[in-house]
């Protein structure tokens, strides 16, 4: 078993996002809305085949940006909405920056 050091994870995410910004990408068009995701209760159960559901990046982004409007009512579960956005940013930024070294 391993522990996740939240402070290290935050540092890594900041370094990666700073890298994308330093490479000249301050924003990315959100051209895809829907993506496949797995129900939370099936995500880590390796004994069966999970049912896929549809996630929506537009909704995720609205939900996540809502944190900026109400910083007093933040809940950690919002991180589950950040994850697909970070995946999308990584994929799109890499495709734009691949020829520059990613």
PDB file of N, CA and C in Angstrom:
ATOM      1  N   UNK A   1       0.841  -1.180   0.000  1.00  0.00           N
ATOM      2  CA  UNK A   1       0.000   0.000   0.000  1.00  0.00           C
ATOM      3  C   UNK A   1       0.888   1.246   0.000  1.00  0.00           C
ATOM      4  N   UNK A   2       0.412   2.285  -0.671  1.00  0.00           N
ATOM      5  CA  UNK A   2       1.120   3.563  -0.702  1.00  0.00           C
ATOM      6  C   UNK A   2       0.213   4.669  -0.202  1.00  0.00           C
ATOM      7  N   UNK A   3       0.829   5.718   0.273  1.00  0.00           N
ATOM      8  CA  UNK A   3       0.088   6.919   0.650  1.00  0.00           C
ATOM      9  C   UNK A   3       0.243   7.956  -0.456  1.00  0.00           C
ATOM     10  N   UNK A   4      -0.764   8.767  -0.610  1.00  0.00           N
ATOM     11  CA  UNK A   4      -0.696   9.893  -1.534  1.00  0.00           C
ATOM     12  C   UNK A   4      -0.386  11.131  -0.707  1.00  0.00           C
ATOM     13  N   UNK A   5       0.740  11.734  -0.990  1.00  0.00           N
ATOM     14  CA  UNK A   5       1.133  12.970  -0.325  1.00  0.00           C
ATOM     15  C   UNK A   5       0.440  14.118  -1.063  1.00  0.00           C
ATOM     16  N   UNK A   6      -0.590  14.676  -0.467  1.00  0.00           N
ATOM     17  CA  UNK A   6      -1.411  15.687  -1.120  1.00  0.00           C
ATOM     18  C   UNK A   6      -0.580  16.924  -1.466  1.00  0.00           C
ATOM     19  N   UNK A   7       0.343  17.296  -0.610  1.00  0.00           N
ATOM     20  CA  UNK A   7       1.191  18.464  -0.886  1.00  0.00           C
ATOM     21  C   UNK A   7       2.082  18.221  -2.106  1.00  0.00           C
ATOM     22  N   UNK A   8       2.630  17.033  -2.221  1.00  0.00           N
ATOM     23  CA  UNK A   8       3.453  16.705  -3.399  1.00  0.00           C
ATOM     24  C   UNK A   8       2.595  16.678  -4.662  1.00  0.00           C
ATOM     25  N   UNK A   9       1.422  16.101  -4.553  1.00  0.00           N
ATOM     26  CA  UNK A   9       0.520  16.037  -5.699  1.00  0.00           C
ATOM     27  C   UNK A   9       0.157  17.447  -6.172  1.00  0.00           C
ATOM     28  N   UNK A  10      -0.136  18.323  -5.243  1.00  0.00           N
ATOM     29  CA  UNK A  10      -0.444  19.716  -5.583  1.00  0.00           C
ATOM     30  C   UNK A  10       0.742  20.362  -6.283  1.00  0.00           C
ATOM     31  N   UNK A  11       1.934  20.118  -5.773  1.00  0.00           N
ATOM     32  CA  UNK A  11       3.142  20.688  -6.386  1.00  0.00           C
ATOM     33  C   UNK A  11       3.325  20.178  -7.813  1.00  0.00           C
ATOM     34  N   UNK A  12       3.121  18.894  -8.016  1.00  0.00           N
ATOM     35  CA  UNK A  12       3.257  18.307  -9.354  1.00  0.00           C
ATOM     36  C   UNK A  12       2.234  18.909 -10.319  1.00  0.00           C
ATOM     37  N   UNK A  13       0.995  19.011  -9.883  1.00  0.00           N
ATOM     38  CA  UNK A  13      -0.053  19.569 -10.743  1.00  0.00           C
ATOM     39  C   UNK A  13       0.272  21.020 -11.098  1.00  0.00           C
ATOM     40  N   UNK A  14       0.743  21.793 -10.118  1.00  0.00           N
ATOM     41  CA  UNK A  14       1.122  23.180 -10.395  1.00  0.00           C
ATOM     42  C   UNK A  14       2.281  23.256 -11.377  1.00  0.00           C
ATOM     43  N   UNK A  15       3.268  22.392 -11.230  1.00  0.00           N
ATOM     44  CA  UNK A  15       4.406  22.365 -12.154  1.00  0.00           C
ATOM     45  C   UNK A  15       3.924  22.045 -13.564  1.00  0.00           C
ATOM     46  N   UNK A  16       3.050  21.055 -13.694  1.00  0.00           N
ATOM     47  CA  UNK A  16       2.550  20.662 -15.009  1.00  0.00           C
ATOM     48  C   UNK A  16       1.720  21.771 -15.659  1.00  0.00           C
ATOM     49  N   UNK A  17       0.845  22.395 -14.896  1.00  0.00           N
ATOM     50  CA  UNK A  17       0.042  23.489 -15.451  1.00  0.00           C
ATOM     51  C   UNK A  17       0.916  24.699 -15.788  1.00  0.00           C
ATOM     52  N   UNK A  18       1.903  24.987 -14.945  1.00  0.00           N
ATOM     53  CA  UNK A  18       2.846  26.068 -15.250  1.00  0.00           C
ATOM     54  C   UNK A  18       3.603  25.780 -16.545  1.00  0.00           C
ATOM     55  N   UNK A  19       3.960  24.529 -16.758  1.00  0.00           N
ATOM     56  CA  UNK A  19       4.662  24.136 -17.986  1.00  0.00           C
ATOM     57  C   UNK A  19       3.797  24.437 -19.214  1.00  0.00           C
ATOM     58  N   UNK A  20       2.538  24.075 -19.141  1.00  0.00           N
ATOM     59  CA  UNK A  20       1.626  24.325 -20.268  1.00  0.00           C
ATOM     60  C   UNK A  20       1.522  25.829 -20.521  1.00  0.00           C
ATOM     61  N   UNK A  21       1.368  26.603 -19.469  1.00  0.00           N
ATOM     62  CA  UNK A  21       1.276  28.063 -19.613  1.00  0.00           C
ATOM     63  C   UNK A  21       2.585  28.629 -20.162  1.00  0.00           C
ATOM     64  N   UNK A  22       3.717  28.153 -19.628  1.00  0.00           N
ATOM     65  CA  UNK A  22       5.026  28.626 -20.101  1.00  0.00           C
ATOM     66  C   UNK A  22       5.258  28.304 -21.572  1.00  0.00           C
ATOM     67  N   UNK A  23       4.612  27.259 -22.062  1.00  0.00           N
ATOM     68  CA  UNK A  23       4.737  26.884 -23.471  1.00  0.00           C
ATOM     69  C   UNK A  23       3.783  27.703 -24.347  1.00  0.00           C
ATOM     70  N   UNK A  24       3.060  28.649 -23.742  1.00  0.00           N
ATOM     71  CA  UNK A  24       2.224  29.559 -24.506  1.00  0.00           C
ATOM     72  C   UNK A  24       0.754  29.200 -24.583  1.00  0.00           C
ATOM     73  N   UNK A  25       0.328  28.243 -23.797  1.00  0.00           N
ATOM     74  CA  UNK A  25      -1.084  27.844 -23.817  1.00  0.00           C
ATOM     75  C   UNK A  25      -1.745  28.344 -22.532  1.00  0.00           C
ATOM     76  N   UNK A  26      -2.478  29.453 -22.666  1.00  0.00           N
ATOM     77  CA  UNK A  26      -3.180  30.030 -21.519  1.00  0.00           C
ATOM     78  C   UNK A  26      -4.613  29.540 -21.410  1.00  0.00           C
ATOM     79  N   UNK A  27      -5.163  29.112 -22.533  1.00  0.00           N
ATOM     80  CA  UNK A  27      -6.519  28.569 -22.535  1.00  0.00           C
ATOM     81  C   UNK A  27      -6.629  27.587 -23.697  1.00  0.00           C
ATOM     82  N   UNK A  28      -7.599  26.725 -23.588  1.00  0.00           N
ATOM     83  CA  UNK A  28      -7.839  25.723 -24.628  1.00  0.00           C
ATOM     84  C   UNK A  28      -9.321  25.717 -24.965  1.00  0.00           C
ATOM     85  N   UNK A  29      -9.659  25.560 -26.236  1.00  0.00           N
ATOM     86  CA  UNK A  29     -11.075  25.449 -26.574  1.00  0.00           C
ATOM     87  C   UNK A  29     -11.629  24.116 -26.060  1.00  0.00           C
ATOM     88  N   UNK A  30     -12.770  24.174 -25.465  1.00  0.00           N
ATOM     89  CA  UNK A  30     -13.431  22.951 -24.982  1.00  0.00           C
ATOM     90  C   UNK A  30     -14.335  22.475 -26.108  1.00  0.00           C
ATOM     91  N   UNK A  31     -13.760  21.689 -27.007  1.00  0.00           N
ATOM     92  CA  UNK A  31     -14.448  21.261 -28.225  1.00  0.00           C
ATOM     93  C   UNK A  31     -15.211  19.952 -28.053  1.00  0.00           C
ATOM     94  N   UNK A  32     -14.898  19.224 -27.021  1.00  0.00           N
ATOM     95  CA  UNK A  32     -15.601  17.969 -26.730  1.00  0.00           C
ATOM     96  C   UNK A  32     -16.367  18.151 -25.432  1.00  0.00           C
ATOM     97  N   UNK A  33     -17.600  17.743 -25.417  1.00  0.00           N
ATOM     98  CA  UNK A  33     -18.383  17.878 -24.199  1.00  0.00           C
ATOM     99  C   UNK A  33     -18.455  16.552 -23.441  1.00  0.00           C
ATOM    100  N   UNK A  34     -18.776  15.493 -24.135  1.00  0.00           N
ATOM    101  CA  UNK A  34     -19.074  14.239 -23.456  1.00  0.00           C
ATOM    102  C   UNK A  34     -17.886  13.285 -23.435  1.00  0.00           C
ATOM    103  N   UNK A  35     -17.819  12.476 -22.392  1.00  0.00           N
ATOM    104  CA  UNK A  35     -16.771  11.465 -22.249  1.00  0.00           C
ATOM    105  C   UNK A  35     -17.351  10.279 -21.472  1.00  0.00           C
ATOM    106  N   UNK A  36     -16.686   9.146 -21.614  1.00  0.00           N
ATOM    107  CA  UNK A  36     -17.100   7.946 -20.887  1.00  0.00           C
ATOM    108  C   UNK A  36     -16.515   7.972 -19.486  1.00  0.00           C
ATOM    109  N   UNK A  37     -17.319   7.556 -18.531  1.00  0.00           N
ATOM    110  CA  UNK A  37     -16.832   7.402 -17.165  1.00  0.00           C
ATOM    111  C   UNK A  37     -17.483   6.170 -16.547  1.00  0.00           C
ATOM    112  N   UNK A  38     -16.977   5.773 -15.419  1.00  0.00           N
ATOM    113  CA  UNK A  38     -17.456   4.580 -14.719  1.00  0.00           C
ATOM    114  C   UNK A  38     -18.085   5.018 -13.397  1.00  0.00           C
ATOM    115  N   UNK A  39     -19.199   4.403 -13.039  1.00  0.00           N
ATOM    116  CA  UNK A  39     -19.828   4.697 -11.747  1.00  0.00           C
ATOM    117  C   UNK A  39     -18.806   4.552 -10.627  1.00  0.00           C
ATOM    118  N   UNK A  40     -18.908   5.436  -9.632  1.00  0.00           N
ATOM    119  CA  UNK A  40     -17.961   5.426  -8.523  1.00  0.00           C
ATOM    120  C   UNK A  40     -17.878   4.075  -7.824  1.00  0.00           C
ATOM    121  N   UNK A  41     -19.026   3.429  -7.611  1.00  0.00           N
ATOM    122  CA  UNK A  41     -19.024   2.169  -6.861  1.00  0.00           C
ATOM    123  C   UNK A  41     -18.452   1.000  -7.670  1.00  0.00           C
ATOM    124  N   UNK A  42     -18.238   1.190  -8.979  1.00  0.00           N
ATOM    125  CA  UNK A  42     -17.674   0.129  -9.818  1.00  0.00           C
ATOM    126  C   UNK A  42     -16.228   0.400 -10.221  1.00  0.00           C
ATOM    127  N   UNK A  43     -15.763   1.606  -9.994  1.00  0.00           N
ATOM    128  CA  UNK A  43     -14.473   2.051 -10.515  1.00  0.00           C
ATOM    129  C   UNK A  43     -13.298   1.195 -10.045  1.00  0.00           C
ATOM    130  N   UNK A  44     -13.303   0.775  -8.810  1.00  0.00           N
ATOM    131  CA  UNK A  44     -12.170   0.032  -8.251  1.00  0.00           C
ATOM    132  C   UNK A  44     -12.490  -1.440  -8.008  1.00  0.00           C
ATOM    133  N   UNK A  45     -13.639  -1.897  -8.472  1.00  0.00           N
ATOM    134  CA  UNK A  45     -14.029  -3.296  -8.332  1.00  0.00           C
ATOM    135  C   UNK A  45     -13.577  -4.042  -9.589  1.00  0.00           C
ATOM    136  N   UNK A  46     -12.518  -4.783  -9.482  1.00  0.00           N
ATOM    137  CA  UNK A  46     -11.921  -5.452 -10.642  1.00  0.00           C
ATOM    138  C   UNK A  46     -12.544  -6.817 -10.929  1.00  0.00           C
ATOM    139  N   UNK A  47     -13.557  -7.183 -10.165  1.00  0.00           N
ATOM    140  CA  UNK A  47     -14.143  -8.512 -10.316  1.00  0.00           C
ATOM    141  C   UNK A  47     -15.182  -8.599 -11.436  1.00  0.00           C
ATOM    142  N   UNK A  48     -15.607  -7.477 -11.954  1.00  0.00           N
ATOM    143  CA  UNK A  48     -16.631  -7.514 -12.995  1.00  0.00           C
ATOM    144  C   UNK A  48     -16.357  -6.476 -14.068  1.00  0.00           C
ATOM    145  N   UNK A  49     -17.283  -6.402 -14.998  1.00  0.00           N
ATOM    146  CA  UNK A  49     -17.194  -5.409 -16.061  1.00  0.00           C
ATOM    147  C   UNK A  49     -18.108  -4.243 -15.704  1.00  0.00           C
ATOM    148  N   UNK A  50     -17.562  -3.049 -15.611  1.00  0.00           N
ATOM    149  CA  UNK A  50     -18.393  -1.914 -15.194  1.00  0.00           C
ATOM    150  C   UNK A  50     -19.305  -1.426 -16.308  1.00  0.00           C
ATOM    151  N   UNK A  51     -20.385  -0.795 -15.896  1.00  0.00           N
ATOM    152  CA  UNK A  51     -21.254  -0.108 -16.840  1.00  0.00           C
ATOM    153  C   UNK A  51     -20.696   1.292 -17.053  1.00  0.00           C
ATOM    154  N   UNK A  52     -20.677   1.711 -18.309  1.00  0.00           N
ATOM    155  CA  UNK A  52     -20.214   3.059 -18.607  1.00  0.00           C
ATOM    156  C   UNK A  52     -21.364   4.044 -18.526  1.00  0.00           C
ATOM    157  N   UNK A  53     -21.057   5.230 -18.067  1.00  0.00           N
ATOM    158  CA  UNK A  53     -22.010   6.333 -18.067  1.00  0.00           C
ATOM    159  C   UNK A  53     -21.339   7.507 -18.786  1.00  0.00           C
ATOM    160  N   UNK A  54     -22.105   8.512 -19.082  1.00  0.00           N
ATOM    161  CA  UNK A  54     -21.585   9.663 -19.811  1.00  0.00           C
ATOM    162  C   UNK A  54     -21.327  10.809 -18.842  1.00  0.00           C
ATOM    163  N   UNK A  55     -20.113  11.359 -18.917  1.00  0.00           N
ATOM    164  CA  UNK A  55     -19.777  12.576 -18.185  1.00  0.00           C
ATOM    165  C   UNK A  55     -19.839  13.752 -19.148  1.00  0.00           C
ATOM    166  N   UNK A  56     -19.898  14.948 -18.614  1.00  0.00           N
ATOM    167  CA  UNK A  56     -20.011  16.148 -19.437  1.00  0.00           C
ATOM    168  C   UNK A  56     -18.998  17.192 -18.968  1.00  0.00           C
ATOM    169  N   UNK A  57     -17.995  17.458 -19.801  1.00  0.00           N
ATOM    170  CA  UNK A  57     -16.949  18.416 -19.449  1.00  0.00           C
ATOM    171  C   UNK A  57     -17.507  19.823 -19.248  1.00  0.00           C
ATOM    172  N   UNK A  58     -18.530  20.209 -20.007  1.00  0.00           N
ATOM    173  CA  UNK A  58     -19.116  21.537 -19.849  1.00  0.00           C
ATOM    174  C   UNK A  58     -19.700  21.666 -18.437  1.00  0.00           C
ATOM    175  N   UNK A  59     -20.443  20.645 -18.014  1.00  0.00           N
ATOM    176  CA  UNK A  59     -21.016  20.657 -16.666  1.00  0.00           C
ATOM    177  C   UNK A  59     -19.914  20.618 -15.606  1.00  0.00           C
ATOM    178  N   UNK A  60     -18.904  19.768 -15.840  1.00  0.00           N
ATOM    179  CA  UNK A  60     -17.791  19.676 -14.894  1.00  0.00           C
ATOM    180  C   UNK A  60     -17.130  21.035 -14.703  1.00  0.00           C
ATOM    181  N   UNK A  61     -16.861  21.723 -15.823  1.00  0.00           N
ATOM    182  CA  UNK A  61     -16.195  23.018 -15.755  1.00  0.00           C
ATOM    183  C   UNK A  61     -17.055  24.044 -15.020  1.00  0.00           C
ATOM    184  N   UNK A  62     -18.345  24.063 -15.296  1.00  0.00           N
ATOM    185  CA  UNK A  62     -19.242  24.979 -14.579  1.00  0.00           C
ATOM    186  C   UNK A  62     -19.229  24.691 -13.080  1.00  0.00           C
ATOM    187  N   UNK A  63     -19.282  23.413 -12.739  1.00  0.00           N
ATOM    188  CA  UNK A  63     -19.298  22.999 -11.335  1.00  0.00           C
ATOM    189  C   UNK A  63     -17.999  23.402 -10.638  1.00  0.00           C
ATOM    190  N   UNK A  64     -16.871  23.141 -11.288  1.00  0.00           N
ATOM    191  CA  UNK A  64     -15.561  23.435 -10.707  1.00  0.00           C
ATOM    192  C   UNK A  64     -15.357  24.944 -10.565  1.00  0.00           C
ATOM    193  N   UNK A  65     -15.728  25.701 -11.588  1.00  0.00           N
ATOM    194  CA  UNK A  65     -15.568  27.155 -11.516  1.00  0.00           C
ATOM    195  C   UNK A  65     -16.463  27.763 -10.441  1.00  0.00           C
ATOM    196  N   UNK A  66     -17.497  27.043 -10.064  1.00  0.00           N
ATOM    197  CA  UNK A  66     -18.371  27.499  -8.980  1.00  0.00           C
ATOM    198  C   UNK A  66     -17.638  27.633  -7.657  1.00  0.00           C
ATOM    199  N   UNK A  67     -16.554  26.924  -7.499  1.00  0.00           N
ATOM    200  CA  UNK A  67     -15.745  27.023  -6.280  1.00  0.00           C
ATOM    201  C   UNK A  67     -15.253  28.462  -6.102  1.00  0.00           C
ATOM    202  N   UNK A  68     -14.921  29.118  -7.205  1.00  0.00           N
ATOM    203  CA  UNK A  68     -14.439  30.499  -7.132  1.00  0.00           C
ATOM    204  C   UNK A  68     -15.523  31.461  -6.639  1.00  0.00           C
ATOM    205  N   UNK A  69     -16.774  31.085  -6.852  1.00  0.00           N
ATOM    206  CA  UNK A  69     -17.884  31.936  -6.444  1.00  0.00           C
ATOM    207  C   UNK A  69     -18.297  31.723  -4.996  1.00  0.00           C
ATOM    208  N   UNK A  70     -17.988  30.552  -4.452  1.00  0.00           N
ATOM    209  CA  UNK A  70     -18.416  30.229  -3.088  1.00  0.00           C
ATOM    210  C   UNK A  70     -17.320  29.427  -2.387  1.00  0.00           C
ATOM    211  N   UNK A  71     -16.268  30.108  -2.016  1.00  0.00           N
ATOM    212  CA  UNK A  71     -15.106  29.439  -1.399  1.00  0.00           C
ATOM    213  C   UNK A  71     -15.391  28.932   0.008  1.00  0.00           C
ATOM    214  N   UNK A  72     -16.488  29.350   0.601  1.00  0.00           N
ATOM    215  CA  UNK A  72     -16.824  28.909   1.955  1.00  0.00           C
ATOM    216  C   UNK A  72     -17.505  27.549   1.986  1.00  0.00           C
ATOM    217  N   UNK A  73     -17.975  27.074   0.830  1.00  0.00           N
ATOM    218  CA  UNK A  73     -18.697  25.803   0.786  1.00  0.00           C
ATOM    219  C   UNK A  73     -18.010  24.786  -0.125  1.00  0.00           C
ATOM    220  N   UNK A  74     -16.706  24.734  -0.053  1.00  0.00           N
ATOM    221  CA  UNK A  74     -15.927  23.807  -0.874  1.00  0.00           C
ATOM    222  C   UNK A  74     -16.023  22.401  -0.285  1.00  0.00           C
ATOM    223  N   UNK A  75     -16.168  21.416  -1.158  1.00  0.00           N
ATOM    224  CA  UNK A  75     -16.149  20.020  -0.719  1.00  0.00           C
ATOM    225  C   UNK A  75     -15.108  19.269  -1.544  1.00  0.00           C
ATOM    226  N   UNK A  76     -14.442  18.332  -0.926  1.00  0.00           N
ATOM    227  CA  UNK A  76     -13.360  17.600  -1.588  1.00  0.00           C
ATOM    228  C   UNK A  76     -13.850  16.791  -2.787  1.00  0.00           C
ATOM    229  N   UNK A  77     -15.115  16.422  -2.801  1.00  0.00           N
ATOM    230  CA  UNK A  77     -15.639  15.615  -3.901  1.00  0.00           C
ATOM    231  C   UNK A  77     -15.571  16.349  -5.243  1.00  0.00           C
ATOM    232  N   UNK A  78     -15.457  17.665  -5.198  1.00  0.00           N
ATOM    233  CA  UNK A  78     -15.317  18.453  -6.427  1.00  0.00           C
ATOM    234  C   UNK A  78     -14.073  18.036  -7.206  1.00  0.00           C
ATOM    235  N   UNK A  79     -13.102  17.469  -6.532  1.00  0.00           N
ATOM    236  CA  UNK A  79     -11.904  16.965  -7.229  1.00  0.00           C
ATOM    237  C   UNK A  79     -12.262  15.929  -8.283  1.00  0.00           C
ATOM    238  N   UNK A  80     -13.370  15.212  -8.096  1.00  0.00           N
ATOM    239  CA  UNK A  80     -13.774  14.214  -9.094  1.00  0.00           C
ATOM    240  C   UNK A  80     -14.234  14.878 -10.386  1.00  0.00           C
ATOM    241  N   UNK A  81     -14.612  16.144 -10.310  1.00  0.00           N
ATOM    242  CA  UNK A  81     -14.988  16.897 -11.507  1.00  0.00           C
ATOM    243  C   UNK A  81     -13.748  17.525 -12.159  1.00  0.00           C
ATOM    244  N   UNK A  82     -12.717  17.782 -11.360  1.00  0.00           N
ATOM    245  CA  UNK A  82     -11.472  18.364 -11.875  1.00  0.00           C
ATOM    246  C   UNK A  82     -10.708  17.332 -12.701  1.00  0.00           C
ATOM    247  N   UNK A  83     -10.735  16.089 -12.280  1.00  0.00           N
ATOM    248  CA  UNK A  83      -9.940  15.038 -12.928  1.00  0.00           C
ATOM    249  C   UNK A  83     -10.201  14.918 -14.434  1.00  0.00           C
ATOM    250  N   UNK A  84     -11.459  14.839 -14.891  1.00  0.00           N
ATOM    251  CA  UNK A  84     -11.674  14.747 -16.341  1.00  0.00           C
ATOM    252  C   UNK A  84     -11.228  16.007 -17.088  1.00  0.00           C
ATOM    253  N   UNK A  85     -11.335  17.159 -16.425  1.00  0.00           N
ATOM    254  CA  UNK A  85     -10.887  18.404 -17.053  1.00  0.00           C
ATOM    255  C   UNK A  85      -9.371  18.379 -17.222  1.00  0.00           C
ATOM    256  N   UNK A  86      -8.653  17.938 -16.203  1.00  0.00           N
ATOM    257  CA  UNK A  86      -7.194  17.842 -16.297  1.00  0.00           C
ATOM    258  C   UNK A  86      -6.778  16.842 -17.376  1.00  0.00           C
ATOM    259  N   UNK A  87      -7.514  15.756 -17.487  1.00  0.00           N
ATOM    260  CA  UNK A  87      -7.227  14.779 -18.541  1.00  0.00           C
ATOM    261  C   UNK A  87      -7.384  15.432 -19.910  1.00  0.00           C
ATOM    262  N   UNK A  88      -8.476  16.150 -20.104  1.00  0.00           N
ATOM    263  CA  UNK A  88      -8.721  16.829 -21.378  1.00  0.00           C
ATOM    264  C   UNK A  88      -7.626  17.862 -21.662  1.00  0.00           C
ATOM    265  N   UNK A  89      -7.279  18.662 -20.659  1.00  0.00           N
ATOM    266  CA  UNK A  89      -6.223  19.667 -20.836  1.00  0.00           C
ATOM    267  C   UNK A  89      -4.915  18.985 -21.219  1.00  0.00           C
ATOM    268  N   UNK A  90      -4.569  17.910 -20.550  1.00  0.00           N
ATOM    269  CA  UNK A  90      -3.339  17.181 -20.875  1.00  0.00           C
ATOM    270  C   UNK A  90      -3.333  16.661 -22.294  1.00  0.00           C
ATOM    271  N   UNK A  91      -4.436  16.080 -22.718  1.00  0.00           N
ATOM    272  CA  UNK A  91      -4.515  15.521 -24.072  1.00  0.00           C
ATOM    273  C   UNK A  91      -4.449  16.604 -25.139  1.00  0.00           C
ATOM    274  N   UNK A  92      -5.224  17.667 -24.970  1.00  0.00           N
ATOM    275  CA  UNK A  92      -5.282  18.718 -25.980  1.00  0.00           C
ATOM    276  C   UNK A  92      -3.998  19.541 -25.983  1.00  0.00           C
ATOM    277  N   UNK A  93      -3.485  19.877 -24.804  1.00  0.00           N
ATOM    278  CA  UNK A  93      -2.241  20.635 -24.742  1.00  0.00           C
ATOM    279  C   UNK A  93      -1.101  19.838 -25.358  1.00  0.00           C
ATOM    280  N   UNK A  94      -1.049  18.543 -25.098  1.00  0.00           N
ATOM    281  CA  UNK A  94       0.015  17.726 -25.677  1.00  0.00           C
ATOM    282  C   UNK A  94      -0.078  17.683 -27.193  1.00  0.00           C
ATOM    283  N   UNK A  95      -1.309  17.589 -27.704  1.00  0.00           N
ATOM    284  CA  UNK A  95      -1.449  17.554 -29.165  1.00  0.00           C
ATOM    285  C   UNK A  95      -1.040  18.885 -29.782  1.00  0.00           C
ATOM    286  N   UNK A  96      -1.275  19.999 -29.066  1.00  0.00           N
ATOM    287  CA  UNK A  96      -0.857  21.307 -29.568  1.00  0.00           C
ATOM    288  C   UNK A  96       0.639  21.538 -29.408  1.00  0.00           C
ATOM    289  N   UNK A  97       1.206  20.983 -28.327  1.00  0.00           N
ATOM    290  CA  UNK A  97       2.607  21.261 -27.985  1.00  0.00           C
ATOM    291  C   UNK A  97       3.552  20.120 -28.354  1.00  0.00           C
ATOM    292  N   UNK A  98       3.002  19.025 -28.864  1.00  0.00           N
ATOM    293  CA  UNK A  98       3.834  17.863 -29.158  1.00  0.00           C
ATOM    294  C   UNK A  98       5.063  18.170 -29.981  1.00  0.00           C
ATOM    295  N   UNK A  99       4.921  19.031 -30.981  1.00  0.00           N
ATOM    296  CA  UNK A  99       6.064  19.351 -31.843  1.00  0.00           C
ATOM    297  C   UNK A  99       7.072  20.258 -31.119  1.00  0.00           C
ATOM    298  N   UNK A 100       6.657  20.876 -30.003  1.00  0.00           N
ATOM    299  CA  UNK A 100       7.561  21.737 -29.221  1.00  0.00           C
ATOM    300  C   UNK A 100       8.158  20.993 -28.030  1.00  0.00           C
ATOM    301  N   UNK A 101       7.896  19.721 -27.941  1.00  0.00           N
ATOM    302  CA  UNK A 101       8.398  18.951 -26.813  1.00  0.00           C
ATOM    303  C   UNK A 101       7.378  18.716 -25.733  1.00  0.00           C
ATOM    304  N   UNK A 102       6.120  19.033 -25.999  1.00  0.00           N
ATOM    305  CA  UNK A 102       5.016  18.724 -25.115  1.00  0.00           C
ATOM    306  C   UNK A 102       4.968  19.518 -23.879  1.00  0.00           C
TER     307      UNK A 102
END
